């Protein structure tokens, strides 16, 4: 799908000459404002590329955290309990109502950042004995976007034909969306759909038990009995035993690397933030189609909460697609103000910092390749 052009500033190809005569001018995310049809939103509700190979036997539990190995076993059993094949046919008028399945119809993975919740959720999706078209996997934001695109009743009809719905990063900070999704999940449970969800314990509440689980079960109201909370303890694997993220590079290094790297994009950070305000977050994934590396100059602290939340969504889409991010300017741990990191959206900001840091580490290889 070809992105439409916008009037946002483009990279200046004369700012830094390419490293060699064959280097192509990099793409610009600020030139992309794709249209995404609703059918694509449904078709793309599968584990993202980063987790296409995720399986229970590729999850490496931390030996110091027994809850991780326990989670693998519980989820594996849950996958085996889900009916495969087609959704049940509609009952005839006088047919006896089928017996409700025994036990909870959902699991909720409760834990902090980087303990492997998304890996486990994707493993559940892959291990459930149903064809791909009968399973759905998406973030909370992607699910609300789907309702916006299809309408509530059509979303119920579409997802009601599934055997499993996995929701990553369930968000508890928007009461309206939470009620919407809670109502949707109630309809899907009635249709026999099994559910699984994750969200993050708030940073300030780590070590205080099941804070996130308690919030989740309260917010989904009448559905709480359908979910079994599953605590997963541990430290962020993205930083476990690894060196700190590399410091930002200078503008010239970032620009030269963008010209030298096939499929790279090159944008200045303030212009990209401005452009994100003109593109619906449901289209950020499509905006990254074909991009192999994101190069950003002049990274600065984000100016306000709305901008910060849009950047979080972009960070998630880049992380899902394993797109390295090379930057100049401020480090990623300086993106969000102290006030933001103490506020109600702080779990999103900490997740974005964690994921962008991992992508920045991946981007170091692009610079190293060019220095040989």
Protein backbone atom coordinates (compact mmCIF):
# COMPACT_ATOMS: atom_id res chain seq x y z
CA UNK A 1 0.00 0.00 0.00
CA UNK A 2 1.62 3.22 -1.07
CA UNK A 3 1.66 5.97 1.50
CA UNK A 4 0.35 9.32 0.44
CA UNK A 5 2.59 12.34 0.41
CA UNK A 6 2.35 15.04 3.03
CA UNK A 7 3.77 18.54 3.29
CA UNK A 8 5.98 17.67 6.29
CA UNK A 9 9.70 18.49 5.98
CA UNK A 10 11.78 15.87 4.15
CA UNK A 11 15.40 14.83 4.79
CA UNK A 12 17.85 17.07 2.96
CA UNK A 13 19.91 14.78 0.69
CA UNK A 14 22.66 17.40 0.51
CA UNK A 15 23.01 17.78 4.28
CA UNK A 16 25.55 14.95 4.46
CA UNK A 17 26.81 13.32 1.27
CA UNK A 18 26.15 9.59 0.95
CA UNK A 19 28.98 7.25 1.92
CA UNK A 20 29.14 5.96 -1.65
CA UNK A 21 27.76 6.91 -5.01
CA UNK A 22 25.22 4.11 -5.08
CA UNK A 23 23.49 5.02 -1.82
CA UNK A 24 19.79 5.80 -2.18
CA UNK A 25 17.95 8.67 -0.55
CA UNK A 26 16.26 7.25 2.57
CA UNK A 27 12.51 7.26 3.03
CA UNK A 28 10.78 9.71 5.37
CA UNK A 29 8.09 8.67 7.83
CA UNK A 30 6.83 12.24 7.66
CA UNK A 31 5.90 11.63 4.01
CA UNK A 32 3.64 8.71 4.89
CA UNK A 33 -0.05 8.90 5.76
CA UNK A 34 -1.46 5.54 4.65
CA UNK A 35 -5.12 4.56 4.42
CA UNK A 36 -5.81 1.26 6.19
CA UNK A 37 -9.07 -0.57 5.32
CA UNK A 38 -10.95 -2.32 8.11
CA UNK A 39 -10.33 -5.73 6.50
CA UNK A 40 -6.60 -5.27 6.99
CA UNK A 41 -7.11 -4.47 10.67
CA UNK A 42 -8.86 -7.84 11.10
CA UNK A 43 -6.38 -9.81 8.98
CA UNK A 44 -3.43 -8.38 10.90
CA UNK A 45 -4.72 -9.50 14.29
CA UNK A 46 -1.95 -12.09 14.63
CA UNK A 47 1.24 -12.06 16.73
CA UNK A 48 3.64 -9.43 15.35
CA UNK A 49 6.82 -10.44 13.48
CA UNK A 50 8.92 -10.29 16.66
CA UNK A 51 6.80 -13.07 18.14
CA UNK A 52 6.04 -15.21 15.09
CA UNK A 53 8.49 -17.81 16.38
CA UNK A 54 7.38 -17.59 20.01
CA UNK A 55 6.56 -20.95 21.55
CA UNK A 56 6.35 -22.23 25.10
CA UNK A 57 9.56 -24.22 24.63
CA UNK A 58 11.44 -21.11 23.42
CA UNK A 59 10.51 -19.16 26.56
CA UNK A 60 13.46 -19.30 28.96
CA UNK A 61 12.18 -19.06 32.55
CA UNK A 62 14.39 -17.34 35.08
CA UNK A 63 15.46 -20.06 37.51
CA UNK A 64 15.17 -17.55 40.35
CA UNK A 65 11.50 -16.89 39.50
CA UNK A 66 9.43 -20.10 39.79
CA UNK A 67 6.28 -18.23 38.74
CA UNK A 68 7.66 -18.08 35.19
CA UNK A 69 7.91 -21.87 34.77
CA UNK A 70 4.49 -22.21 36.42
CA UNK A 71 3.00 -19.78 33.90
CA UNK A 72 4.29 -21.88 30.99
CA UNK A 73 2.57 -24.97 32.37
CA UNK A 74 -0.72 -23.22 33.18
CA UNK A 75 -0.93 -21.57 29.76
CA UNK A 76 0.00 -24.78 27.95
CA UNK A 77 -2.86 -26.55 29.73
CA UNK A 78 -5.18 -23.64 28.92
CA UNK A 79 -4.28 -23.90 25.21
CA UNK A 80 -5.11 -27.62 25.27
CA UNK A 81 -8.51 -26.86 26.82
CA UNK A 82 -9.62 -24.56 23.98
CA UNK A 83 -11.80 -26.15 21.35
CA UNK A 84 -10.26 -26.15 17.88
CA UNK A 85 -11.81 -25.96 14.47
CA UNK A 86 -14.92 -24.04 13.59
CA UNK A 87 -16.99 -21.93 15.91
CA UNK A 88 -20.11 -23.71 17.18
CA UNK A 89 -23.03 -23.49 14.77
CA UNK A 90 -26.03 -21.42 15.78
CA UNK A 91 -28.54 -23.35 17.84
CA UNK A 92 -31.92 -24.22 16.44
CA UNK A 93 -34.89 -22.61 18.15
CA UNK A 94 -35.78 -25.65 20.31
CA UNK A 95 -32.30 -27.09 20.70
CA UNK A 96 -30.91 -27.56 24.17
CA UNK A 97 -28.42 -24.87 25.17
CA UNK A 98 -24.92 -26.37 25.28
CA UNK A 99 -23.34 -26.71 28.70
CA UNK A 100 -21.06 -23.86 29.64
CA UNK A 101 -17.38 -24.83 29.73
CA UNK A 102 -16.02 -25.58 33.17
CA UNK A 103 -13.60 -23.19 34.82
CA UNK A 104 -12.52 -19.69 33.82
CA UNK A 105 -12.69 -18.82 30.13
CA UNK A 106 -9.77 -16.44 30.40
CA UNK A 107 -6.30 -15.93 31.85
CA UNK A 108 -4.76 -12.63 32.88
CA UNK A 109 -0.95 -12.37 32.92
CA UNK A 110 0.06 -9.98 35.68
CA UNK A 111 3.64 -8.74 35.85
CA UNK A 112 6.16 -5.98 35.24
CA UNK A 113 8.07 -4.99 32.12
CA UNK A 114 10.12 -7.48 30.17
CA UNK A 115 9.18 -10.68 32.04
CA UNK A 116 8.00 -12.29 28.80
CA UNK A 117 4.24 -11.77 29.01
CA UNK A 118 3.89 -11.02 25.29
CA UNK A 119 6.06 -14.04 24.42
CA UNK A 120 3.78 -16.24 26.53
CA UNK A 121 0.63 -14.68 25.06
CA UNK A 122 1.91 -15.30 21.53
CA UNK A 123 2.88 -18.86 22.50
CA UNK A 124 -0.68 -19.42 23.68
CA UNK A 125 -1.99 -18.18 20.32
CA UNK A 126 0.37 -20.46 18.37
CA UNK A 127 -0.35 -23.49 20.59
CA UNK A 128 -4.13 -23.26 20.57
CA UNK A 129 -5.51 -26.02 18.30
CA UNK A 130 -7.53 -23.80 15.98
CA UNK A 131 -6.79 -22.42 12.51
CA UNK A 132 -5.28 -18.94 12.33
CA UNK A 133 -8.51 -17.40 11.05
CA UNK A 134 -10.23 -18.57 14.26
CA UNK A 135 -7.72 -16.85 16.56
CA UNK A 136 -7.04 -13.15 17.08
CA UNK A 137 -4.10 -11.37 18.70
CA UNK A 138 -3.78 -7.63 19.18
CA UNK A 139 -3.08 -4.84 21.60
CA UNK A 140 -5.82 -3.11 23.55
CA UNK A 141 -5.39 -0.07 21.28
CA UNK A 142 -5.71 -2.21 18.14
CA UNK A 143 -8.89 -3.75 19.53
CA UNK A 144 -10.50 -0.37 20.21
CA UNK A 145 -9.41 0.76 16.73
CA UNK A 146 -11.14 -2.30 15.28
CA UNK A 147 -14.38 -1.40 17.06
CA UNK A 148 -14.05 2.12 15.66
CA UNK A 149 -13.57 0.80 12.14
CA UNK A 150 -16.20 -1.96 12.12
CA UNK A 151 -18.68 -0.75 14.71
CA UNK A 152 -19.49 -2.60 17.92
CA UNK A 153 -22.02 -5.13 16.60
CA UNK A 154 -19.92 -6.10 13.57
CA UNK A 155 -16.87 -6.54 15.82
CA UNK A 156 -18.91 -8.87 18.05
CA UNK A 157 -20.03 -10.86 15.01
CA UNK A 158 -16.52 -11.03 13.55
CA UNK A 159 -14.62 -11.96 16.71
CA UNK A 160 -17.49 -14.11 17.98
CA UNK A 161 -16.55 -16.66 15.30
CA UNK A 162 -13.12 -17.04 16.90
CA UNK A 163 -11.98 -19.59 19.44
CA UNK A 164 -9.40 -17.34 21.14
CA UNK A 165 -8.80 -13.62 21.57
CA UNK A 166 -5.45 -12.47 23.00
CA UNK A 167 -5.21 -8.84 24.16
CA UNK A 168 -1.74 -7.48 24.86
CA UNK A 169 -1.19 -4.40 27.03
CA UNK A 170 -4.72 -4.09 28.40
CA UNK A 171 -5.08 -0.42 29.37
CA UNK A 172 -6.83 0.64 32.56
CA UNK A 173 -6.28 4.39 32.25
CA UNK A 174 -9.17 5.24 29.90
CA UNK A 175 -12.52 4.51 31.61
CA UNK A 176 -14.53 4.85 28.39
CA UNK A 177 -12.41 2.41 26.41
CA UNK A 178 -12.23 0.02 29.36
CA UNK A 179 -16.03 -0.14 29.62
CA UNK A 180 -16.29 -0.58 25.84
CA UNK A 181 -13.85 -3.49 25.78
CA UNK A 182 -15.32 -5.03 28.94
CA UNK A 183 -18.75 -5.06 27.27
CA UNK A 184 -17.25 -6.53 24.10
CA UNK A 185 -15.51 -9.29 26.04
CA UNK A 186 -18.77 -10.18 27.78
CA UNK A 187 -20.42 -10.71 24.40
CA UNK A 188 -17.49 -12.82 23.21
CA UNK A 189 -17.50 -15.01 26.33
CA UNK A 190 -21.21 -15.64 25.70
CA UNK A 191 -20.25 -16.74 22.18
CA UNK A 192 -17.73 -19.24 23.58
CA UNK A 193 -14.52 -17.31 22.85
CA UNK A 194 -11.60 -17.99 25.20
CA UNK A 195 -9.74 -14.87 26.37
CA UNK A 196 -6.21 -14.01 27.44
CA UNK A 197 -4.83 -10.61 28.39
CA UNK A 198 -1.74 -8.87 29.73
CA UNK A 199 -0.96 -5.50 31.24
CA UNK A 200 1.87 -4.04 33.25
CA UNK A 201 2.11 -3.46 36.97
CA UNK A 202 2.58 0.25 37.53
CA UNK A 203 6.25 1.08 38.25
CA UNK A 204 5.46 2.61 41.64
CA UNK A 205 3.58 -0.53 42.67
CA UNK A 206 6.16 -3.20 41.92
CA UNK A 207 6.53 -5.50 44.90
CA UNK A 208 3.03 -4.75 46.18
CA UNK A 209 1.49 -8.01 45.05
CA UNK A 210 -1.32 -8.17 42.54
CA UNK A 211 -1.97 -4.48 42.13
CA UNK A 212 -2.46 -4.68 38.36
CA UNK A 213 -4.55 -7.83 38.65
CA UNK A 214 -6.81 -6.22 41.24
CA UNK A 215 -7.32 -3.20 38.97
CA UNK A 216 -7.94 -5.38 35.94
CA UNK A 217 -10.51 -7.59 37.64
CA UNK A 218 -12.32 -4.57 39.08
CA UNK A 219 -12.45 -2.70 35.76
CA UNK A 220 -13.82 -5.60 33.74
CA UNK A 221 -16.63 -5.80 36.31
CA UNK A 222 -18.91 -8.79 35.70
CA UNK A 223 -16.21 -10.64 33.78
CA UNK A 224 -13.84 -11.06 36.72
CA UNK A 225 -15.03 -14.59 37.43
CA UNK A 226 -14.05 -15.57 33.89
CA UNK A 227 -10.38 -14.75 34.40
CA UNK A 228 -7.68 -16.57 36.30
CA UNK A 229 -4.94 -14.10 37.33
CA UNK A 230 -1.47 -15.50 36.70
CA UNK A 231 1.39 -13.65 38.38
CA UNK A 232 4.74 -13.59 36.52
CA UNK A 233 7.63 -12.18 38.56
CA UNK A 234 11.08 -11.20 37.33
CA UNK A 235 13.25 -8.45 35.94
CA UNK A 236 13.14 -6.89 32.48
CA UNK A 237 14.80 -9.46 30.21
CA UNK A 238 15.59 -6.72 27.68
CA UNK A 239 18.21 -5.42 30.10
CA UNK A 240 19.04 -8.61 32.00
CA UNK A 241 22.81 -9.03 31.88
CA UNK A 242 23.18 -6.60 28.97
CA UNK A 243 25.16 -3.36 28.83
CA UNK A 244 23.42 -0.01 28.98
CA UNK A 245 21.89 1.30 25.78
CA UNK A 246 24.38 3.10 23.54
CA UNK A 247 24.54 6.87 23.84
CA UNK A 248 22.94 8.81 20.97
CA UNK A 249 25.16 9.45 17.98
CA UNK A 250 25.88 12.75 16.24
CA UNK A 251 23.72 14.00 13.35
CA UNK A 252 26.32 13.15 10.72
CA UNK A 253 26.62 9.51 11.83
CA UNK A 254 22.85 9.07 11.87
CA UNK A 255 22.43 10.65 8.44
CA UNK A 256 25.27 8.71 6.82
CA UNK A 257 23.94 5.48 8.26
CA UNK A 258 20.46 6.23 6.89
CA UNK A 259 21.86 6.69 3.37
CA UNK A 260 23.96 3.56 3.68
CA UNK A 261 21.20 1.28 5.02
CA UNK A 262 18.71 -0.19 2.52
CA UNK A 263 15.13 0.45 3.59
CA UNK A 264 16.07 3.08 6.20
CA UNK A 265 14.01 6.17 6.97
CA UNK A 266 15.45 9.52 8.01
CA UNK A 267 13.50 12.22 9.85
CA UNK A 268 14.18 14.96 12.32
CA UNK A 269 12.41 14.11 15.55
CA UNK A 270 10.35 17.30 16.08
CA UNK A 271 8.91 17.01 12.55
CA UNK A 272 8.04 13.37 13.12
CA UNK A 273 6.19 14.20 16.35
CA UNK A 274 4.22 16.86 14.50
CA UNK A 275 3.39 14.42 11.70
CA UNK A 276 2.12 11.79 14.12
CA UNK A 277 -0.63 14.18 15.15
CA UNK A 278 -1.99 14.04 11.57
CA UNK A 279 -2.10 10.23 11.30
CA UNK A 280 -4.48 8.04 13.31
CA UNK A 281 -2.53 5.69 15.62
CA UNK A 282 -4.23 2.69 13.99
CA UNK A 283 -2.19 3.53 10.88
CA UNK A 284 1.23 3.72 12.51
CA UNK A 285 1.92 0.08 11.66
CA UNK A 286 1.17 0.66 7.99
CA UNK A 287 3.30 3.80 8.12
CA UNK A 288 6.25 1.54 8.94
CA UNK A 289 5.66 -0.87 6.04
CA UNK A 290 8.93 -1.68 4.32
CA UNK A 291 11.04 0.29 6.79
CA UNK A 292 14.15 -1.64 7.87
CA UNK A 293 15.65 0.99 10.17
CA UNK A 294 14.46 4.30 11.63
CA UNK A 295 17.02 7.10 11.82
CA UNK A 296 16.10 10.21 13.83
CA UNK A 297 18.05 13.41 14.35
CA UNK A 298 17.57 16.00 17.08
CA UNK A 299 15.68 13.81 19.54
CA UNK A 300 14.18 16.02 22.26
CA UNK A 301 11.93 15.64 25.27
CA UNK A 302 8.32 15.35 24.12
CA UNK A 303 6.41 18.58 24.79
CA UNK A 304 3.07 17.30 26.07
CA UNK A 305 1.05 14.26 27.06
CA UNK A 306 -0.86 13.85 23.78
CA UNK A 307 2.39 13.81 21.82
CA UNK A 308 3.92 11.39 24.29
CA UNK A 309 1.05 8.92 23.96
CA UNK A 310 1.31 8.96 20.16
CA UNK A 311 5.04 8.27 20.44
CA UNK A 312 4.30 5.29 22.71
CA UNK A 313 2.11 3.74 19.99
CA UNK A 314 4.82 4.26 17.37
CA UNK A 315 7.41 2.70 19.69
CA UNK A 316 5.17 -0.36 20.10
CA UNK A 317 4.74 -0.79 16.35
CA UNK A 318 8.51 -0.47 15.75
CA UNK A 319 9.24 -2.94 18.52
CA UNK A 320 6.71 -5.43 17.13
CA UNK A 321 8.45 -5.23 13.76
CA UNK A 322 11.99 -5.37 15.22
CA UNK A 323 12.96 -2.13 13.49
CA UNK A 324 16.22 -0.73 14.94
CA UNK A 325 16.17 2.97 15.89
CA UNK A 326 19.29 5.12 15.50
CA UNK A 327 19.23 8.61 16.99
CA UNK A 328 21.08 11.81 17.73
CA UNK A 329 20.11 14.26 20.45
CA UNK A 330 18.78 13.22 23.85
CA UNK A 331 18.83 9.67 25.20
CA UNK A 332 15.55 7.75 25.41
CA UNK A 333 15.42 7.99 29.18
CA UNK A 334 15.10 11.76 28.74
CA UNK A 335 12.05 11.61 26.46
CA UNK A 336 9.43 11.98 29.19
CA UNK A 337 9.34 14.52 32.00
CA UNK A 338 9.41 13.52 35.65
CA UNK A 339 5.80 14.64 35.90
CA UNK A 340 4.81 12.27 33.09
CA UNK A 341 6.71 9.39 34.69
CA UNK A 342 4.80 9.93 37.91
CA UNK A 343 1.39 10.31 36.26
CA UNK A 344 -1.39 7.95 35.26
CA UNK A 345 0.21 6.97 31.94
CA UNK A 346 3.60 6.16 33.41
CA UNK A 347 3.36 2.42 32.65
CA UNK A 348 3.16 3.28 28.95
CA UNK A 349 6.13 5.61 29.14
CA UNK A 350 8.29 3.10 30.97
CA UNK A 351 7.34 0.46 28.41
CA UNK A 352 8.28 2.81 25.57
CA UNK A 353 11.65 3.61 27.16
CA UNK A 354 12.35 -0.11 27.64
CA UNK A 355 11.43 -1.00 24.07
CA UNK A 356 13.18 1.95 22.41
CA UNK A 357 16.30 1.18 24.43
CA UNK A 358 16.28 -2.38 23.06
CA UNK A 359 15.86 -1.04 19.49
CA UNK A 360 18.67 1.48 20.02
CA UNK A 361 20.95 -1.38 21.08
CA UNK A 362 20.02 -3.23 17.87
CA UNK A 363 20.83 -0.11 15.84
CA UNK A 364 24.44 -0.14 17.03
CA UNK A 365 25.15 -2.91 14.51
CA UNK A 366 24.21 -0.56 11.65
CA UNK A 367 26.89 1.91 12.69
CA UNK A 368 29.43 -0.84 13.27
CA UNK A 369 28.82 -2.27 9.79
CA UNK A 370 29.57 1.11 8.24
CA UNK A 371 32.81 1.58 10.14
CA UNK A 372 34.41 -1.57 8.75
